[in-house]
Amino acid sequence: MTKPVSYSDAGVSIDTANEAVKKISGFAKSTFNERTLTNIGSFGGMFDAKFPEMSDPILVSSADGVGTKLKLAFETDVHNTIGQDLVNHCVGDILVQGAKPLFFLDYFATGKLSADVTASVVEGLAIACKENGCVLLGGETAEMPGFYADGEYDLAGFIVGVVDKSKVITGENIESGDVILGLPSTGLHTNGYSLARKLFFEIGGFSVDDKPEELNGETVGKTLLTPHRSYLPILKDLLVKDVIKGLAHITGGGLLENIPRVLPENTAVEIKRGTWNELPVFGLMQKLGNVEDKEMFRTFNMGVGMTIICSENDKDQIISHIENLGDKCFEIGKIIEGKREVSIV
């Protein structure tokens, strides 16, 4: 008699999936608020969409991943920061249009499910959601044997936020003479990791546990896993003051390709290098691979994770607001006439 074949024989464990759900449900519930209308386990997450404080609410959404930064999580077995990276990246992408986050959903896929690893990732998601006032409304955990290498997974996120139509930041009023302010990054954030890994591990011959002198006593792994920061806490109160003309989240494409996304026709940008603190990790990578300046500036954020474009008259107010919150803000450039390009001088 042929032995009955089960789903687990195909490499998928429903029991492990149930264990993972038990571990992560508490993290998700910790982000719920009065607008959350469903519980863990619903087919769809429901969210109260009444916005009485807004005259014309506009929903803003975005989706993203973490890229090959995941490889660092696999190599170091540190998984509770990757979720923070994902949420904060997505928050930044809708923040540039003036939106504050409402809820977030994730997609986690792996070859063989580990309840502990899954819980660690979701813990990071929940931490960042709470810090950003965002509900972790739902998600999908997929176990797909043979599709991913052992010990590896993929992670994607989906965010929805809201902004009153009168407060949407479009960049349409940006003009020559406006000022560009830069907010510091914490590191590479979530972009440029394919090149970073090549520079550190292939060319430099480092391991994740090595401590190059240039990194001031920190390991390569810890430096590269430093979480993407959220700029919502320091910008949210400025969004209602009509002092910000444009915001650019410096992600893939660096300063060279992200700032032009918010520029109107016949304007360009001149950035003055040396006006902000470039983190040591960027200088080390450039030295390891003899990387050209242009390649560095279109691959990495170079120490600036968000740029603010404002009028000369409003810059002092913005800088003071940010510094009063204990953060830094650098005047890094200006708007000039041109063809939606960025030049580094």
Protein backbone atom coordinates (compact mmCIF):
# COMPACT_ATOMS: atom_id res chain seq x y z
CA MET A 1 0.00 0.00 0.00
CA THR A 2 1.38 3.40 -1.01
CA LYS A 3 2.16 5.72 1.86
CA PRO A 4 -0.12 8.78 1.87
CA VAL A 5 1.65 11.91 0.69
CA SER A 6 1.14 15.12 2.67
CA TYR A 7 1.89 18.79 2.05
CA SER A 8 4.87 18.51 4.41
CA ASP A 9 6.35 15.83 2.14
CA ALA A 10 6.45 18.53 -0.55
CA GLY A 11 8.37 20.78 1.81
CA VAL A 12 5.56 22.96 3.14
CA SER A 13 4.72 22.79 6.84
CA ILE A 14 1.30 24.12 7.79
CA ASP A 15 2.21 23.58 11.46
CA THR A 16 5.29 25.81 11.14
CA ALA A 17 3.19 28.43 9.37
CA ASN A 18 0.67 28.36 12.21
CA GLU A 19 3.48 28.71 14.73
CA ALA A 20 4.81 31.71 12.81
CA VAL A 21 1.38 33.34 12.82
CA LYS A 22 1.17 32.91 16.60
CA LYS A 23 4.57 34.55 17.02
CA ILE A 24 3.88 37.51 14.74
CA SER A 25 0.26 38.24 15.67
CA GLY A 26 1.30 40.03 18.83
CA PHE A 27 3.68 42.30 16.94
CA ALA A 28 1.00 43.21 14.43
CA LYS A 29 -1.65 43.82 17.09
CA SER A 30 0.71 46.18 18.92
CA THR A 31 0.42 48.59 15.96
CA PHE A 32 -3.40 48.59 15.83
CA ASN A 33 -5.34 51.77 16.59
CA GLU A 34 -8.95 52.93 16.70
CA ARG A 35 -9.12 52.93 12.89
CA THR A 36 -8.28 49.20 12.66
CA LEU A 37 -11.52 47.33 11.97
CA THR A 38 -10.32 43.74 11.57
CA ASN A 39 -8.24 41.31 13.57
CA ILE A 40 -5.35 39.01 12.66
CA GLY A 41 -6.51 36.20 10.38
CA SER A 42 -9.07 38.12 8.32
CA PHE A 43 -8.95 37.62 4.57
CA GLY A 44 -8.61 41.37 4.13
CA GLY A 45 -7.62 44.12 6.51
CA MET A 46 -10.19 46.87 7.03
CA PHE A 47 -9.36 50.44 7.96
CA ASP A 48 -11.66 53.33 8.81
CA ALA A 49 -11.38 55.83 5.93
CA LYS A 50 -13.13 58.82 7.50
CA PHE A 51 -10.94 61.93 7.65
CA PRO A 52 -13.14 64.69 9.11
CA GLU A 53 -10.12 66.94 9.69
CA MET A 54 -9.46 67.04 5.92
CA SER A 55 -11.57 68.81 3.31
CA ASP A 56 -10.35 66.70 0.39
CA PRO A 57 -8.29 63.65 1.49
CA ILE A 58 -5.98 62.08 -1.08
CA LEU A 59 -4.62 58.54 -0.63
CA VAL A 60 -0.95 58.03 -1.50
CA SER A 61 0.48 54.53 -1.90
CA SER A 62 3.83 52.93 -2.61
CA ALA A 63 5.48 49.51 -2.75
CA ASP A 64 9.12 48.58 -2.32
CA GLY A 65 11.63 45.95 -1.25
CA VAL A 66 14.92 45.83 0.61
CA GLY A 67 17.08 44.57 -2.26
CA THR A 68 20.32 42.72 -1.64
CA LYS A 69 20.66 44.18 1.84
CA LEU A 70 18.85 40.97 2.68
CA LYS A 71 22.12 39.12 1.96
CA LEU A 72 23.66 40.89 4.97
CA ALA A 73 20.80 39.70 7.16
CA PHE A 74 21.40 36.13 6.00
CA GLU A 75 25.15 36.32 6.59
CA THR A 76 24.92 37.91 10.03
CA ASP A 77 21.73 36.11 11.13
CA VAL A 78 20.32 39.50 12.17
CA HIS A 79 16.75 39.84 10.97
CA ASN A 80 15.03 42.37 13.23
CA THR A 81 16.30 45.46 11.39
CA ILE A 82 15.29 44.50 7.85
CA GLY A 83 11.62 45.14 8.63
CA GLN A 84 12.49 48.61 9.92
CA ASP A 85 14.33 49.29 6.67
CA LEU A 86 11.31 48.36 4.62
CA VAL A 87 8.73 50.38 6.55
CA ASN A 88 10.89 53.50 6.82
CA HIS A 89 11.77 53.37 3.12
CA CYS A 90 8.09 53.20 2.19
CA VAL A 91 7.20 55.98 4.65
CA GLY A 92 9.81 58.21 3.00
CA ASP A 93 8.43 57.52 -0.46
CA ILE A 94 4.96 58.86 0.40
CA LEU A 95 6.25 61.56 2.73
CA VAL A 96 7.75 63.44 -0.22
CA GLN A 97 4.20 64.18 -1.41
CA GLY A 98 3.16 65.33 2.04
CA ALA A 99 1.40 62.12 3.08
CA LYS A 100 1.40 60.58 6.54
CA PRO A 101 1.16 56.78 6.71
CA LEU A 102 -2.07 55.00 7.61
CA PHE A 103 -1.35 51.30 7.19
CA PHE A 104 1.26 48.88 5.89
CA LEU A 105 1.20 45.35 4.48
CA ASP A 106 4.11 43.01 3.91
CA TYR A 107 4.95 40.02 1.72
CA PHE A 108 7.44 37.53 3.16
CA ALA A 109 8.49 34.56 1.00
CA THR A 110 10.97 31.79 1.75
CA GLY A 111 11.90 28.25 0.76
CA LYS A 112 11.61 26.68 4.21
CA LEU A 113 9.81 28.65 6.85
CA SER A 114 11.49 29.40 10.16
CA ALA A 115 8.99 30.71 12.69
CA ASP A 116 11.73 32.49 14.64
CA VAL A 117 13.22 34.27 11.61
CA THR A 118 9.78 35.27 10.38
CA ALA A 119 8.88 36.62 13.81
CA SER A 120 12.14 38.58 13.97
CA VAL A 121 11.45 40.23 10.61
CA VAL A 122 7.88 41.09 11.58
CA GLU A 123 9.08 42.46 14.91
CA GLY A 124 11.14 44.98 12.94
CA LEU A 125 8.12 45.85 10.82
CA ALA A 126 6.05 46.45 13.94
CA ILE A 127 8.72 48.58 15.62
CA ALA A 128 8.90 50.92 12.63
CA CYS A 129 5.13 50.98 12.15
CA LYS A 130 4.63 52.08 15.75
CA GLU A 131 7.34 54.72 15.44
CA ASN A 132 5.60 56.11 12.35
CA GLY A 133 2.04 55.89 13.70
CA CYS A 134 1.22 53.28 11.07
CA VAL A 135 -0.87 50.11 11.42
CA LEU A 136 0.59 46.78 10.30
CA LEU A 137 -2.76 45.79 8.83
CA GLY A 138 -1.91 42.47 7.24
CA GLY A 139 0.44 40.57 4.99
CA GLU A 140 1.34 37.30 3.33
CA THR A 141 3.80 34.62 4.41
CA ALA A 142 4.65 32.21 1.59
CA GLU A 143 6.64 28.99 1.91
CA MET A 144 7.89 27.86 -1.51
CA PRO A 145 10.30 24.89 -1.41
CA GLY A 146 12.97 24.92 -4.09
CA PHE A 147 12.31 28.52 -5.03
CA TYR A 148 14.74 30.16 -2.60
CA ALA A 149 18.14 29.01 -1.33
CA ASP A 150 18.23 27.52 2.16
CA GLY A 151 18.12 30.22 4.82
CA GLU A 152 17.09 32.96 2.40
CA TYR A 153 13.88 34.91 1.97
CA ASP A 154 12.45 37.90 0.13
CA LEU A 155 10.54 40.78 1.63
CA ALA A 156 8.34 43.46 0.10
CA GLY A 157 6.11 46.13 1.58
CA PHE A 158 3.05 48.13 0.61
CA ILE A 159 2.00 51.37 2.28
CA VAL A 160 -1.01 53.67 2.13
CA GLY A 161 -1.01 57.21 3.50
CA VAL A 162 -3.18 60.30 3.31
CA VAL A 163 -2.76 64.01 2.67
CA ASP A 164 -5.27 66.82 2.27
CA LYS A 165 -5.30 67.86 -1.38
CA SER A 166 -4.41 71.45 -0.49
CA LYS A 167 -1.25 70.20 1.26
CA VAL A 168 0.07 67.90 -1.47
CA ILE A 169 3.73 68.65 -2.21
CA THR A 170 4.23 68.68 -5.97
CA GLY A 171 7.37 70.73 -6.57
CA GLU A 172 5.57 72.79 -9.20
CA ASN A 173 6.45 76.09 -7.48
CA ILE A 174 10.19 75.40 -7.31
CA GLU A 175 12.18 78.16 -9.01
CA SER A 176 15.70 79.37 -9.57
CA GLY A 177 17.15 80.80 -6.36
CA ASP A 178 15.46 78.29 -4.06
CA VAL A 179 17.57 76.49 -1.49
CA ILE A 180 18.26 72.76 -1.07
CA LEU A 181 18.58 71.42 2.46
CA GLY A 182 19.89 67.96 3.26
CA LEU A 183 18.91 65.67 6.12
CA PRO A 184 21.57 63.15 7.17
CA SER A 185 21.24 59.46 6.46
CA THR A 186 22.28 56.75 8.89
CA GLY A 187 24.19 54.83 6.25
CA LEU A 188 23.39 53.19 2.92
CA HIS A 189 19.73 52.87 3.95
CA THR A 190 18.37 50.32 1.42
CA ASN A 191 20.19 51.09 -1.81
CA GLY A 192 23.49 50.28 -3.48
CA TYR A 193 24.06 46.98 -1.70
CA SER A 194 25.04 44.99 -4.76
CA LEU A 195 27.95 47.38 -5.32
CA ALA A 196 28.69 47.66 -1.60
CA ARG A 197 28.92 43.90 -1.21
CA LYS A 198 31.22 43.65 -4.21
CA LEU A 199 33.49 46.38 -2.83
CA PHE A 200 33.68 45.04 0.71
CA PHE A 201 33.66 41.29 0.20
CA GLU A 202 35.05 40.65 -3.29
CA ILE A 203 37.50 43.51 -3.78
CA GLY A 204 38.28 44.39 -0.16
CA GLY A 205 38.28 40.80 1.08
CA PHE A 206 36.48 41.73 4.29
CA SER A 207 34.10 39.56 6.27
CA VAL A 208 31.02 40.84 8.07
CA ASP A 209 32.92 40.64 11.36
CA ASP A 210 35.95 42.67 10.26
CA LYS A 211 36.50 46.16 11.69
CA PRO A 212 38.28 48.37 9.13
CA GLU A 213 39.99 51.35 10.71
CA GLU A 214 37.86 53.72 8.65
CA LEU A 215 34.66 52.44 10.32
CA ASN A 216 35.78 53.61 13.76
CA GLY A 217 35.59 50.26 15.51
CA GLU A 218 32.34 49.08 13.98
CA THR A 219 32.09 45.82 12.06
CA VAL A 220 31.35 45.77 8.35
CA GLY A 221 28.16 43.82 9.03
CA LYS A 222 26.81 46.26 11.61
CA THR A 223 27.66 49.26 9.44
CA LEU A 224 25.90 47.83 6.42
CA LEU A 225 22.87 46.70 8.44
CA THR A 226 22.28 50.11 10.05
CA PRO A 227 18.54 50.68 9.54
CA HIS A 228 17.08 53.14 7.06
CA ARG A 229 15.82 56.08 9.11
CA SER A 230 12.39 57.69 8.95
CA TYR A 231 12.16 61.43 8.31
CA LEU A 232 8.49 61.66 9.28
CA PRO A 233 9.10 62.62 12.95
CA ILE A 234 11.13 65.72 12.05
CA LEU A 235 9.10 66.78 9.02
CA LYS A 236 5.48 66.07 9.97
CA ASP A 237 4.89 69.43 11.67
CA LEU A 238 6.44 71.29 8.73
CA LEU A 239 4.06 69.67 6.24
CA VAL A 240 1.18 71.92 7.33
CA LYS A 241 3.14 75.18 7.30
CA ASP A 242 3.48 75.61 3.52
CA VAL A 243 7.23 76.19 3.76
CA ILE A 244 8.34 73.09 1.81
CA LYS A 245 8.24 73.35 -1.97
CA GLY A 246 9.68 69.93 -2.71
CA LEU A 247 11.03 66.81 -1.05
CA ALA A 248 13.23 64.13 -2.59
CA HIS A 249 13.85 60.78 -0.90
CA ILE A 250 17.42 59.81 -1.81
CA THR A 251 17.08 56.14 -2.64
CA GLY A 252 18.21 54.17 -5.71
CA GLY A 253 19.76 56.64 -8.13
CA GLY A 254 21.28 58.75 -5.37
CA LEU A 255 21.26 62.55 -5.40
CA LEU A 256 21.77 62.68 -9.16
CA GLU A 257 18.59 60.89 -10.18
CA ASN A 258 16.16 61.47 -7.31
CA ILE A 259 16.14 65.26 -6.99
CA PRO A 260 15.17 65.79 -10.66
CA ARG A 261 12.00 63.76 -10.04
CA VAL A 262 10.51 66.75 -8.17
CA LEU A 263 11.83 69.56 -10.40
CA PRO A 264 9.65 71.55 -12.82
CA GLU A 265 10.85 72.24 -16.35
CA ASN A 266 13.68 74.73 -16.88
CA THR A 267 15.19 74.20 -13.44
CA ALA A 268 18.29 72.32 -12.33
CA VAL A 269 20.28 71.72 -9.16
CA GLU A 270 23.76 72.62 -8.04
CA ILE A 271 25.00 70.65 -5.03
CA LYS A 272 28.13 71.78 -3.18
CA ARG A 273 30.09 68.81 -1.93
CA GLY A 274 31.56 69.26 1.54
CA THR A 275 28.55 71.08 2.95
CA TRP A 276 27.37 67.99 4.84
CA ASN A 277 28.99 65.11 6.69
CA GLU A 278 29.73 62.23 4.33
CA LEU A 279 29.78 59.08 6.43
CA PRO A 280 33.09 57.15 6.54
CA VAL A 281 31.55 54.09 4.87
CA PHE A 282 31.20 55.98 1.58
CA GLY A 283 34.81 57.13 1.51
CA LEU A 284 36.01 53.61 2.28
CA MET A 285 33.93 52.09 -0.51
CA GLN A 286 35.13 54.69 -3.01
CA LYS A 287 38.74 53.96 -2.07
CA LEU A 288 38.31 50.17 -2.23
CA GLY A 289 37.03 50.21 -5.80
CA ASN A 290 38.50 53.46 -7.08
CA VAL A 291 34.89 54.35 -7.80
CA GLU A 292 34.31 57.54 -9.79
CA ASP A 293 32.50 60.40 -8.07
CA LYS A 294 29.58 60.28 -10.49
CA GLU A 295 29.08 56.56 -9.85
CA MET A 296 29.10 57.14 -6.11
CA PHE A 297 26.54 59.93 -6.33
CA ARG A 298 24.11 57.99 -8.53
CA THR A 299 24.37 54.76 -6.52
CA PHE A 300 24.51 55.87 -2.89
CA ASN A 301 22.89 58.62 -0.82
CA MET A 302 26.39 59.80 0.23
CA GLY A 303 25.13 60.76 3.69
CA VAL A 304 21.99 62.67 2.63
CA GLY A 305 18.80 60.63 2.94
CA MET A 306 16.22 63.34 2.25
CA THR A 307 16.42 66.74 0.59
CA ILE A 308 14.12 69.70 1.19
CA ILE A 309 13.63 72.43 -1.40
CA CYS A 310 12.38 75.75 -0.05
CA SER A 311 12.62 79.46 -0.65
CA GLU A 312 15.55 81.45 0.74
CA ASN A 313 13.11 83.22 3.07
CA ASP A 314 11.89 79.97 4.65
CA LYS A 315 15.17 78.10 5.10
CA ASP A 316 16.00 79.49 8.56
CA GLN A 317 12.60 78.50 9.91
CA ILE A 318 13.02 74.96 8.62
CA ILE A 319 16.58 74.58 9.89
CA SER A 320 15.63 75.93 13.33
CA HIS A 321 12.66 73.57 13.56
CA ILE A 322 14.82 70.53 12.77
CA GLU A 323 17.69 71.56 15.04
CA ASN A 324 15.26 72.21 17.90
CA LEU A 325 14.25 68.56 17.58
CA GLY A 326 17.88 67.58 18.10
CA ASP A 327 18.62 66.71 14.49
CA LYS A 328 20.89 68.17 11.84
CA CYS A 329 20.04 70.00 8.64
CA PHE A 330 22.58 71.15 6.07
CA GLU A 331 22.28 73.74 3.33
CA ILE A 332 23.78 71.73 0.47
CA GLY A 333 22.85 73.54 -2.73
CA LYS A 334 20.53 75.70 -4.76
CA ILE A 335 18.11 75.67 -7.66
CA ILE A 336 19.41 77.18 -10.88
CA GLU A 337 18.09 77.43 -14.41
CA GLY A 338 18.62 74.30 -16.45
CA LYS A 339 17.26 71.01 -17.76
CA ARG A 340 16.32 69.06 -14.62
CA GLU A 341 19.88 67.92 -13.93
CA VAL A 342 22.04 67.76 -10.81
CA SER A 343 25.64 68.91 -10.82
CA ILE A 344 28.06 68.34 -7.94
CA VAL A 345 30.57 71.16 -7.47
